[in-house]
Amino acid sequence: MSQLALKIIREEHAALSAMLRSLALMIERGPGDQPERFFDVLRAMLFYIDEFPERIHHPKESDLLFPRLVRVAPELLGVVSRLEAEHASGQDRVRELQHLLLAWELLGESRRLEFTGAAQIYLAFYLAHMHTEEVELLPLAESLLDEEDWLALNNAFGAHHDPLAAGVRDPFYDRLFSRIVLTAPAPIGVGPA
């Protein structure tokens, strides 16, 4: 049976990795002479992270993939428990970044360092989190899960794609993605480098 779910997970990880790297590039570049545009796109990027990976992607991993993996490979319980804890804290982490960004925007340069420091920690955390999933869990899922598992996973992950990852247009999110793509630097957008 085709493992569509693994393909989708990897595509969504790639899209999120690109978004995180673009976020880092934007932060490094700074607001320059267009602070309104800068803060607008950073807010949109953080909203995307909260909206898709945190609310849609992680619950499918936590509720469907992880329990199946622990059932067939109980030795993964420690890794899965750590990843679960990271999922559980994810929304709080991204919302803290949203707050710190707003503080920088509204209160000025005195709040920049706090945001950039927290963002660097968050970006490193998130990239490491996805790396762990891809290196320690997905290969085992591919080799150990059965046809019934894949049917459930494929249906769940196939039911709602991250439009940024799947390349499937979702009119509901067109404005969000247009804002990000037209302003953010590559690899996410076509904005100025």
N, C-alpha and C. Protein backbone atom coordinates (compact mmCIF):
# COMPACT_ATOMS: atom_id res chain seq x y z
N MET A 1 0.84 -1.19 0.00
CA MET A 1 0.00 0.00 0.00
C MET A 1 0.89 1.25 0.00
N SER A 2 0.49 2.20 -0.78
CA SER A 2 1.22 3.46 -0.86
C SER A 2 1.16 4.18 0.48
N GLN A 3 2.26 4.77 0.87
CA GLN A 3 2.32 5.48 2.14
C GLN A 3 2.23 6.98 1.91
N LEU A 4 1.05 7.38 1.44
CA LEU A 4 0.77 8.78 1.17
C LEU A 4 1.04 9.64 2.40
N ALA A 5 0.70 9.14 3.57
CA ALA A 5 0.88 9.91 4.81
C ALA A 5 2.34 10.32 4.99
N LEU A 6 3.29 9.42 4.72
CA LEU A 6 4.71 9.76 4.87
C LEU A 6 5.11 10.86 3.89
N LYS A 7 4.61 10.76 2.67
CA LYS A 7 4.89 11.79 1.67
C LYS A 7 4.37 13.15 2.14
N ILE A 8 3.16 13.16 2.66
CA ILE A 8 2.56 14.41 3.13
C ILE A 8 3.33 14.95 4.33
N ILE A 9 3.67 14.09 5.28
CA ILE A 9 4.44 14.54 6.45
C ILE A 9 5.75 15.17 5.99
N ARG A 10 6.44 14.51 5.09
CA ARG A 10 7.73 15.05 4.62
C ARG A 10 7.55 16.36 3.87
N GLU A 11 6.50 16.46 3.05
CA GLU A 11 6.23 17.71 2.33
C GLU A 11 5.91 18.84 3.30
N GLU A 12 5.10 18.52 4.33
CA GLU A 12 4.76 19.55 5.30
C GLU A 12 5.98 19.95 6.13
N HIS A 13 6.84 19.01 6.45
CA HIS A 13 8.08 19.35 7.15
C HIS A 13 8.96 20.25 6.27
N ALA A 14 9.05 19.92 4.98
CA ALA A 14 9.87 20.73 4.07
C ALA A 14 9.32 22.15 3.97
N ALA A 15 8.00 22.28 3.87
CA ALA A 15 7.39 23.61 3.79
C ALA A 15 7.64 24.39 5.08
N LEU A 16 7.49 23.73 6.21
CA LEU A 16 7.72 24.41 7.49
C LEU A 16 9.19 24.78 7.65
N SER A 17 10.08 23.88 7.26
CA SER A 17 11.52 24.19 7.33
C SER A 17 11.85 25.41 6.49
N ALA A 18 11.29 25.48 5.30
CA ALA A 18 11.51 26.64 4.43
C ALA A 18 10.95 27.90 5.07
N MET A 19 9.78 27.78 5.69
CA MET A 19 9.18 28.94 6.36
C MET A 19 10.07 29.39 7.52
N LEU A 20 10.56 28.45 8.30
CA LEU A 20 11.41 28.80 9.44
C LEU A 20 12.70 29.45 8.97
N ARG A 21 13.28 28.94 7.91
CA ARG A 21 14.52 29.53 7.39
C ARG A 21 14.26 30.93 6.82
N SER A 22 13.12 31.11 6.18
CA SER A 22 12.77 32.44 5.68
C SER A 22 12.53 33.40 6.83
N LEU A 23 11.91 32.91 7.89
CA LEU A 23 11.70 33.72 9.08
C LEU A 23 13.05 34.18 9.63
N ALA A 24 14.01 33.25 9.69
CA ALA A 24 15.35 33.60 10.17
C ALA A 24 16.00 34.65 9.26
N LEU A 25 15.84 34.50 7.96
CA LEU A 25 16.39 35.48 7.02
C LEU A 25 15.74 36.85 7.21
N MET A 26 14.44 36.85 7.41
CA MET A 26 13.74 38.11 7.62
C MET A 26 14.24 38.79 8.90
N ILE A 27 14.38 38.02 9.95
CA ILE A 27 14.85 38.58 11.23
C ILE A 27 16.26 39.13 11.08
N GLU A 28 17.12 38.37 10.40
CA GLU A 28 18.50 38.81 10.19
C GLU A 28 18.54 40.10 9.38
N ARG A 29 17.69 40.17 8.38
CA ARG A 29 17.63 41.37 7.54
C ARG A 29 17.10 42.56 8.31
N GLY A 30 16.12 42.33 9.18
CA GLY A 30 15.55 43.41 9.98
C GLY A 30 14.54 44.23 9.20
N PRO A 31 13.92 45.17 9.88
CA PRO A 31 12.86 45.94 9.25
C PRO A 31 13.32 46.93 8.19
N GLY A 32 14.59 47.32 8.25
CA GLY A 32 15.09 48.27 7.26
C GLY A 32 14.22 49.51 7.19
N ASP A 33 13.95 49.94 5.96
CA ASP A 33 13.15 51.16 5.80
C ASP A 33 11.67 50.84 5.52
N GLN A 34 11.28 49.58 5.75
CA GLN A 34 9.88 49.18 5.58
C GLN A 34 9.38 48.40 6.80
N PRO A 35 9.38 49.03 7.96
CA PRO A 35 9.00 48.29 9.17
C PRO A 35 7.58 47.73 9.14
N GLU A 36 6.63 48.46 8.56
CA GLU A 36 5.26 47.95 8.52
C GLU A 36 5.19 46.65 7.73
N ARG A 37 5.85 46.62 6.60
CA ARG A 37 5.85 45.41 5.77
C ARG A 37 6.58 44.27 6.48
N PHE A 38 7.68 44.58 7.10
CA PHE A 38 8.48 43.59 7.83
C PHE A 38 7.65 42.93 8.93
N PHE A 39 7.05 43.73 9.80
CA PHE A 39 6.28 43.17 10.90
C PHE A 39 5.03 42.45 10.39
N ASP A 40 4.46 42.95 9.33
CA ASP A 40 3.29 42.31 8.75
C ASP A 40 3.60 40.89 8.28
N VAL A 41 4.71 40.72 7.58
CA VAL A 41 5.03 39.38 7.07
C VAL A 41 5.47 38.45 8.21
N LEU A 42 6.18 38.96 9.21
CA LEU A 42 6.55 38.11 10.34
C LEU A 42 5.31 37.64 11.10
N ARG A 43 4.35 38.55 11.28
CA ARG A 43 3.09 38.14 11.92
C ARG A 43 2.39 37.06 11.10
N ALA A 44 2.38 37.22 9.79
CA ALA A 44 1.74 36.23 8.93
C ALA A 44 2.46 34.88 9.01
N MET A 45 3.77 34.91 9.06
CA MET A 45 4.53 33.66 9.16
C MET A 45 4.25 32.95 10.48
N LEU A 46 4.24 33.69 11.57
CA LEU A 46 3.96 33.08 12.87
C LEU A 46 2.52 32.58 12.94
N PHE A 47 1.60 33.29 12.31
CA PHE A 47 0.22 32.82 12.25
C PHE A 47 0.15 31.50 11.48
N TYR A 48 0.86 31.42 10.36
CA TYR A 48 0.89 30.16 9.59
C TYR A 48 1.37 29.01 10.47
N ILE A 49 2.45 29.23 11.22
CA ILE A 49 3.00 28.17 12.07
C ILE A 49 1.97 27.74 13.11
N ASP A 50 1.27 28.70 13.68
CA ASP A 50 0.24 28.38 14.66
C ASP A 50 -0.95 27.68 13.99
N GLU A 51 -1.32 28.11 12.82
CA GLU A 51 -2.51 27.61 12.14
C GLU A 51 -2.35 26.20 11.58
N PHE A 52 -1.27 25.94 10.88
CA PHE A 52 -1.13 24.65 10.21
C PHE A 52 -0.35 23.62 11.02
N PRO A 53 0.93 23.81 11.24
CA PRO A 53 1.66 22.76 11.97
C PRO A 53 1.08 22.49 13.36
N GLU A 54 0.76 23.53 14.10
CA GLU A 54 0.31 23.34 15.47
C GLU A 54 -1.11 22.78 15.57
N ARG A 55 -2.01 23.27 14.74
CA ARG A 55 -3.42 22.88 14.87
C ARG A 55 -3.82 21.70 13.99
N ILE A 56 -3.10 21.45 12.92
CA ILE A 56 -3.52 20.41 11.99
C ILE A 56 -2.50 19.28 11.90
N HIS A 57 -1.24 19.61 11.67
CA HIS A 57 -0.20 18.59 11.46
C HIS A 57 0.11 17.82 12.75
N HIS A 58 0.43 18.53 13.80
CA HIS A 58 0.82 17.86 15.05
C HIS A 58 -0.27 16.96 15.62
N PRO A 59 -1.53 17.39 15.66
CA PRO A 59 -2.56 16.49 16.20
C PRO A 59 -2.65 15.16 15.44
N LYS A 60 -2.47 15.19 14.13
CA LYS A 60 -2.52 13.93 13.37
C LYS A 60 -1.33 13.03 13.74
N GLU A 61 -0.16 13.63 13.93
CA GLU A 61 0.99 12.83 14.36
C GLU A 61 0.73 12.26 15.75
N SER A 62 0.29 13.12 16.67
CA SER A 62 0.10 12.71 18.07
C SER A 62 -1.03 11.69 18.23
N ASP A 63 -2.12 11.91 17.54
CA ASP A 63 -3.30 11.06 17.73
C ASP A 63 -3.28 9.78 16.91
N LEU A 64 -2.58 9.81 15.77
CA LEU A 64 -2.65 8.66 14.86
C LEU A 64 -1.32 7.96 14.63
N LEU A 65 -0.29 8.71 14.31
CA LEU A 65 0.99 8.09 13.97
C LEU A 65 1.72 7.58 15.21
N PHE A 66 1.89 8.42 16.20
CA PHE A 66 2.69 8.04 17.36
C PHE A 66 2.14 6.81 18.09
N PRO A 67 0.82 6.74 18.36
CA PRO A 67 0.33 5.53 19.06
C PRO A 67 0.56 4.24 18.26
N ARG A 68 0.43 4.32 16.95
CA ARG A 68 0.66 3.14 16.11
C ARG A 68 2.13 2.72 16.17
N LEU A 69 3.01 3.70 16.18
CA LEU A 69 4.44 3.39 16.25
C LEU A 69 4.81 2.76 17.59
N VAL A 70 4.30 3.30 18.67
CA VAL A 70 4.62 2.75 19.99
C VAL A 70 4.04 1.33 20.12
N ARG A 71 2.90 1.09 19.50
CA ARG A 71 2.30 -0.25 19.56
C ARG A 71 3.22 -1.29 18.93
N VAL A 72 3.84 -0.94 17.79
CA VAL A 72 4.69 -1.92 17.09
C VAL A 72 6.16 -1.82 17.50
N ALA A 73 6.55 -0.72 18.12
CA ALA A 73 7.95 -0.54 18.54
C ALA A 73 7.96 0.15 19.90
N PRO A 74 7.65 -0.58 20.97
CA PRO A 74 7.57 0.03 22.31
C PRO A 74 8.85 0.74 22.74
N GLU A 75 9.97 0.36 22.16
CA GLU A 75 11.24 1.01 22.51
C GLU A 75 11.26 2.49 22.11
N LEU A 76 10.29 2.92 21.30
CA LEU A 76 10.20 4.32 20.88
C LEU A 76 9.46 5.20 21.88
N LEU A 77 8.97 4.60 22.95
CA LEU A 77 8.15 5.35 23.91
C LEU A 77 8.87 6.60 24.43
N GLY A 78 10.15 6.51 24.72
CA GLY A 78 10.88 7.68 25.23
C GLY A 78 10.93 8.81 24.22
N VAL A 79 11.27 8.48 22.98
CA VAL A 79 11.34 9.50 21.92
C VAL A 79 9.96 10.08 21.66
N VAL A 80 8.96 9.21 21.58
CA VAL A 80 7.59 9.67 21.32
C VAL A 80 7.10 10.55 22.46
N SER A 81 7.40 10.19 23.68
CA SER A 81 6.99 11.00 24.84
C SER A 81 7.60 12.40 24.76
N ARG A 82 8.87 12.46 24.39
CA ARG A 82 9.53 13.78 24.25
C ARG A 82 8.88 14.60 23.13
N LEU A 83 8.63 13.95 21.99
CA LEU A 83 7.99 14.65 20.88
C LEU A 83 6.58 15.11 21.24
N GLU A 84 5.86 14.28 21.98
CA GLU A 84 4.52 14.65 22.45
C GLU A 84 4.58 15.88 23.34
N ALA A 85 5.55 15.91 24.25
CA ALA A 85 5.71 17.07 25.12
C ALA A 85 6.01 18.32 24.29
N GLU A 86 6.82 18.17 23.26
CA GLU A 86 7.12 19.29 22.38
C GLU A 86 5.87 19.74 21.63
N HIS A 87 5.07 18.79 21.15
CA HIS A 87 3.80 19.15 20.50
C HIS A 87 2.92 19.92 21.48
N ALA A 88 2.83 19.42 22.71
CA ALA A 88 1.96 20.03 23.70
C ALA A 88 2.36 21.47 24.02
N SER A 89 3.65 21.77 23.93
CA SER A 89 4.11 23.13 24.25
C SER A 89 4.20 24.02 23.01
N GLY A 90 3.95 23.46 21.85
CA GLY A 90 4.15 24.20 20.60
C GLY A 90 3.33 25.45 20.46
N GLN A 91 2.04 25.37 20.74
CA GLN A 91 1.19 26.57 20.59
C GLN A 91 1.62 27.66 21.56
N ASP A 92 1.96 27.29 22.78
CA ASP A 92 2.42 28.30 23.73
C ASP A 92 3.71 28.96 23.25
N ARG A 93 4.60 28.18 22.68
CA ARG A 93 5.88 28.73 22.20
C ARG A 93 5.67 29.73 21.07
N VAL A 94 4.83 29.35 20.10
CA VAL A 94 4.62 30.26 18.96
C VAL A 94 3.84 31.49 19.40
N ARG A 95 2.94 31.34 20.32
CA ARG A 95 2.18 32.51 20.80
C ARG A 95 3.07 33.45 21.61
N GLU A 96 4.04 32.89 22.33
CA GLU A 96 5.00 33.73 23.02
C GLU A 96 5.82 34.54 22.00
N LEU A 97 6.20 33.90 20.92
CA LEU A 97 6.91 34.63 19.86
C LEU A 97 6.04 35.73 19.27
N GLN A 98 4.77 35.44 19.05
CA GLN A 98 3.85 36.46 18.52
C GLN A 98 3.79 37.65 19.48
N HIS A 99 3.74 37.37 20.77
CA HIS A 99 3.71 38.44 21.76
C HIS A 99 5.02 39.26 21.74
N LEU A 100 6.14 38.56 21.69
CA LEU A 100 7.43 39.25 21.67
C LEU A 100 7.60 40.09 20.41
N LEU A 101 7.08 39.59 19.28
CA LEU A 101 7.14 40.36 18.04
C LEU A 101 6.30 41.63 18.16
N LEU A 102 5.11 41.49 18.72
CA LEU A 102 4.25 42.66 18.90
C LEU A 102 4.91 43.67 19.84
N ALA A 103 5.57 43.18 20.87
CA ALA A 103 6.28 44.09 21.78
C ALA A 103 7.37 44.85 21.04
N TRP A 104 8.12 44.16 20.19
CA TRP A 104 9.17 44.83 19.41
C TRP A 104 8.54 45.88 18.50
N GLU A 105 7.46 45.50 17.82
CA GLU A 105 6.82 46.41 16.88
C GLU A 105 6.27 47.65 17.59
N LEU A 106 5.61 47.46 18.71
CA LEU A 106 4.93 48.57 19.38
C LEU A 106 5.81 49.35 20.34
N LEU A 107 6.79 48.67 20.95
CA LEU A 107 7.61 49.33 21.96
C LEU A 107 9.01 49.68 21.47
N GLY A 108 9.36 49.19 20.29
CA GLY A 108 10.59 49.62 19.68
C GLY A 108 11.80 48.72 19.91
N GLU A 109 12.94 49.27 19.52
CA GLU A 109 14.21 48.54 19.49
C GLU A 109 14.60 47.92 20.83
N SER A 110 14.13 48.48 21.93
CA SER A 110 14.49 47.92 23.23
C SER A 110 13.96 46.49 23.39
N ARG A 111 13.00 46.09 22.56
CA ARG A 111 12.42 44.75 22.62
C ARG A 111 12.91 43.84 21.50
N ARG A 112 13.74 44.34 20.63
CA ARG A 112 14.22 43.55 19.49
C ARG A 112 15.03 42.33 19.92
N LEU A 113 15.98 42.53 20.79
CA LEU A 113 16.88 41.45 21.20
C LEU A 113 16.13 40.30 21.86
N GLU A 114 15.12 40.64 22.67
CA GLU A 114 14.34 39.58 23.33
C GLU A 114 13.63 38.72 22.29
N PHE A 115 13.04 39.37 21.28
CA PHE A 115 12.37 38.60 20.22
C PHE A 115 13.37 37.78 19.42
N THR A 116 14.46 38.40 18.97
CA THR A 116 15.39 37.67 18.12
C THR A 116 16.03 36.49 18.85
N GLY A 117 16.34 36.66 20.12
CA GLY A 117 16.89 35.56 20.91
C GLY A 117 15.90 34.41 21.04
N ALA A 118 14.66 34.74 21.38
CA ALA A 118 13.63 33.71 21.51
C ALA A 118 13.35 33.04 20.16
N ALA A 119 13.38 33.80 19.09
CA ALA A 119 13.13 33.24 17.76
C ALA A 119 14.25 32.27 17.37
N GLN A 120 15.49 32.61 17.66
CA GLN A 120 16.60 31.70 17.34
C GLN A 120 16.46 30.38 18.09
N ILE A 121 16.10 30.45 19.35
CA ILE A 121 15.90 29.23 20.14
C ILE A 121 14.75 28.41 19.57
N TYR A 122 13.66 29.08 19.24
CA TYR A 122 12.49 28.41 18.69
C TYR A 122 12.80 27.73 17.36
N LEU A 123 13.49 28.44 16.48
CA LEU A 123 13.82 27.88 15.17
C LEU A 123 14.70 26.65 15.31
N ALA A 124 15.69 26.71 16.16
CA ALA A 124 16.57 25.55 16.38
C ALA A 124 15.78 24.39 16.96
N PHE A 125 14.91 24.68 17.93
CA PHE A 125 14.07 23.65 18.54
C PHE A 125 13.20 22.97 17.48
N TYR A 126 12.54 23.76 16.66
CA TYR A 126 11.59 23.20 15.70
C TYR A 126 12.29 22.37 14.63
N LEU A 127 13.42 22.85 14.14
CA LEU A 127 14.17 22.09 13.13
C LEU A 127 14.67 20.78 13.71
N ALA A 128 15.12 20.79 14.96
CA ALA A 128 15.57 19.57 15.62
C ALA A 128 14.40 18.61 15.84
N HIS A 129 13.25 19.14 16.18
CA HIS A 129 12.04 18.33 16.38
C HIS A 129 11.70 17.57 15.09
N MET A 130 11.65 18.26 13.99
CA MET A 130 11.31 17.61 12.72
C MET A 130 12.39 16.61 12.31
N HIS A 131 13.64 16.94 12.58
CA HIS A 131 14.73 16.02 12.26
C HIS A 131 14.58 14.71 13.03
N THR A 132 14.24 14.81 14.30
CA THR A 132 14.03 13.61 15.11
C THR A 132 12.91 12.76 14.52
N GLU A 133 11.81 13.39 14.17
CA GLU A 133 10.70 12.63 13.57
C GLU A 133 11.13 11.93 12.29
N GLU A 134 11.85 12.65 11.45
CA GLU A 134 12.22 12.09 10.14
C GLU A 134 13.30 11.02 10.24
N VAL A 135 14.19 11.13 11.19
CA VAL A 135 15.29 10.17 11.30
C VAL A 135 14.94 8.99 12.20
N GLU A 136 14.25 9.26 13.31
CA GLU A 136 14.01 8.20 14.28
C GLU A 136 12.65 7.52 14.16
N LEU A 137 11.65 8.21 13.59
CA LEU A 137 10.32 7.63 13.54
C LEU A 137 9.85 7.21 12.15
N LEU A 138 9.98 8.09 11.19
CA LEU A 138 9.39 7.80 9.88
C LEU A 138 9.97 6.55 9.21
N PRO A 139 11.28 6.30 9.27
CA PRO A 139 11.79 5.06 8.67
C PRO A 139 11.19 3.81 9.33
N LEU A 140 11.03 3.85 10.65
CA LEU A 140 10.43 2.71 11.34
C LEU A 140 8.95 2.57 10.99
N ALA A 141 8.27 3.69 10.87
CA ALA A 141 6.86 3.62 10.47
C ALA A 141 6.75 2.95 9.11
N GLU A 142 7.62 3.35 8.21
CA GLU A 142 7.59 2.79 6.85
C GLU A 142 7.77 1.27 6.86
N SER A 143 8.63 0.79 7.73
CA SER A 143 8.93 -0.65 7.72
C SER A 143 8.05 -1.48 8.65
N LEU A 144 7.44 -0.86 9.68
CA LEU A 144 6.74 -1.66 10.69
C LEU A 144 5.21 -1.59 10.64
N LEU A 145 4.67 -0.50 10.14
CA LEU A 145 3.21 -0.37 10.16
C LEU A 145 2.58 -1.23 9.07
N ASP A 146 1.36 -1.69 9.35
CA ASP A 146 0.69 -2.59 8.40
C ASP A 146 -0.30 -1.84 7.51
N GLU A 147 -0.95 -2.59 6.65
CA GLU A 147 -1.85 -1.99 5.67
C GLU A 147 -3.01 -1.24 6.33
N GLU A 148 -3.53 -1.79 7.40
CA GLU A 148 -4.63 -1.12 8.12
C GLU A 148 -4.17 0.21 8.71
N ASP A 149 -2.95 0.23 9.26
CA ASP A 149 -2.39 1.48 9.79
C ASP A 149 -2.26 2.51 8.67
N TRP A 150 -1.72 2.08 7.53
CA TRP A 150 -1.50 3.02 6.43
C TRP A 150 -2.81 3.54 5.86
N LEU A 151 -3.83 2.71 5.84
CA LEU A 151 -5.13 3.17 5.36
C LEU A 151 -5.64 4.31 6.25
N ALA A 152 -5.57 4.13 7.56
CA ALA A 152 -6.02 5.17 8.49
C ALA A 152 -5.16 6.44 8.38
N LEU A 153 -3.85 6.25 8.33
CA LEU A 153 -2.94 7.40 8.25
C LEU A 153 -3.10 8.14 6.93
N ASN A 154 -3.17 7.41 5.84
CA ASN A 154 -3.33 8.04 4.52
C ASN A 154 -4.63 8.84 4.46
N ASN A 155 -5.70 8.29 5.00
CA ASN A 155 -6.98 9.01 5.01
C ASN A 155 -6.89 10.28 5.84
N ALA A 156 -6.29 10.18 7.02
CA ALA A 156 -6.20 11.34 7.91
C ALA A 156 -5.30 12.44 7.33
N PHE A 157 -4.11 12.06 6.90
CA PHE A 157 -3.18 13.07 6.38
C PHE A 157 -3.62 13.59 5.02
N GLY A 158 -4.30 12.75 4.25
CA GLY A 158 -4.79 13.18 2.94
C GLY A 158 -6.01 14.06 3.00
N ALA A 159 -6.71 14.06 4.15
CA ALA A 159 -7.96 14.81 4.27
C ALA A 159 -7.75 16.32 4.27
N HIS A 160 -6.63 16.77 4.79
CA HIS A 160 -6.39 18.21 4.85
C HIS A 160 -4.90 18.47 4.67
N HIS A 161 -4.57 18.97 3.50
CA HIS A 161 -3.17 19.29 3.18
C HIS A 161 -2.86 20.72 3.61
N ASP A 162 -1.64 20.91 4.00
CA ASP A 162 -1.11 22.25 4.21
C ASP A 162 -0.95 22.86 2.82
N PRO A 163 -1.69 23.92 2.49
CA PRO A 163 -1.61 24.48 1.13
C PRO A 163 -0.20 24.92 0.75
N LEU A 164 0.59 25.31 1.70
CA LEU A 164 1.96 25.72 1.39
C LEU A 164 2.81 24.53 0.97
N ALA A 165 2.50 23.36 1.54
CA ALA A 165 3.27 22.16 1.24
C ALA A 165 2.75 21.44 0.02
N ALA A 166 1.45 21.35 -0.09
CA ALA A 166 0.85 20.50 -1.11
C ALA A 166 0.76 21.17 -2.47
N GLY A 167 0.88 22.47 -2.49
CA GLY A 167 0.72 23.17 -3.75
C GLY A 167 -0.72 23.17 -4.23
N VAL A 168 -1.63 22.80 -3.33
CA VAL A 168 -3.05 22.78 -3.65
C VAL A 168 -3.65 24.07 -3.14
N ARG A 169 -4.24 24.83 -4.03
CA ARG A 169 -4.79 26.13 -3.65
C ARG A 169 -5.97 25.96 -2.71
N ASP A 170 -5.95 26.74 -1.64
CA ASP A 170 -7.05 26.78 -0.69
C ASP A 170 -7.50 28.24 -0.61
N PRO A 171 -8.63 28.58 -1.26
CA PRO A 171 -9.06 29.98 -1.31
C PRO A 171 -9.19 30.63 0.06
N PHE A 172 -9.49 29.82 1.09
CA PHE A 172 -9.65 30.35 2.44
C PHE A 172 -8.36 31.00 2.94
N TYR A 173 -7.22 30.48 2.49
CA TYR A 173 -5.92 30.97 2.97
C TYR A 173 -5.14 31.76 1.92
N ASP A 174 -5.77 32.08 0.80
CA ASP A 174 -5.07 32.81 -0.27
C ASP A 174 -4.44 34.11 0.22
N ARG A 175 -5.17 34.87 1.00
CA ARG A 175 -4.65 36.17 1.45
C ARG A 175 -3.41 35.98 2.32
N LEU A 176 -3.45 35.00 3.23
CA LEU A 176 -2.31 34.73 4.10
C LEU A 176 -1.08 34.37 3.27
N PHE A 177 -1.23 33.42 2.36
CA PHE A 177 -0.08 32.97 1.60
C PHE A 177 0.40 34.01 0.61
N SER A 178 -0.51 34.80 0.05
CA SER A 178 -0.08 35.88 -0.83
C SER A 178 0.78 36.88 -0.07
N ARG A 179 0.35 37.21 1.14
CA ARG A 179 1.10 38.16 1.97
C ARG A 179 2.51 37.64 2.26
N ILE A 180 2.60 36.36 2.59
CA ILE A 180 3.90 35.78 2.90
C ILE A 180 4.76 35.68 1.64
N VAL A 181 4.21 35.12 0.59
CA VAL A 181 4.98 34.84 -0.62
C VAL A 181 5.46 36.13 -1.29
N LEU A 182 4.64 37.15 -1.31
CA LEU A 182 5.02 38.38 -2.00
C LEU A 182 6.01 39.22 -1.20
N THR A 183 6.14 38.96 0.09
CA THR A 183 7.01 39.76 0.93
C THR A 183 8.26 39.02 1.40
N ALA A 184 8.11 37.74 1.69
CA ALA A 184 9.22 36.97 2.26
C ALA A 184 10.29 36.68 1.21
N PRO A 185 11.53 36.59 1.64
CA PRO A 185 12.60 36.20 0.71
C PRO A 185 12.51 34.71 0.38
N ALA A 186 13.23 34.29 -0.66
CA ALA A 186 13.33 32.87 -0.99
C ALA A 186 13.95 32.17 0.20
N PRO A 187 13.61 30.95 0.50
CA PRO A 187 12.93 30.00 -0.35
C PRO A 187 11.41 30.02 -0.28
N ILE A 188 10.81 30.80 0.63
CA ILE A 188 9.35 30.83 0.73
C ILE A 188 8.76 31.78 -0.29
N GLY A 189 9.33 32.96 -0.41
CA GLY A 189 8.68 33.99 -1.20
C GLY A 189 9.51 34.52 -2.34
N VAL A 190 8.95 35.57 -2.90
CA VAL A 190 9.61 36.23 -4.04
C VAL A 190 9.96 37.67 -3.68
N GLY A 191 9.91 37.97 -2.38
CA GLY A 191 10.24 39.32 -1.92
C GLY A 191 11.73 39.60 -2.06
N PRO A 192 12.11 40.83 -1.78
CA PRO A 192 13.53 41.19 -1.92
C PRO A 192 14.41 40.39 -0.98
N ALA A 193 15.60 40.08 -1.46
CA ALA A 193 16.56 39.27 -0.66
C ALA A 193 17.09 40.07 0.49
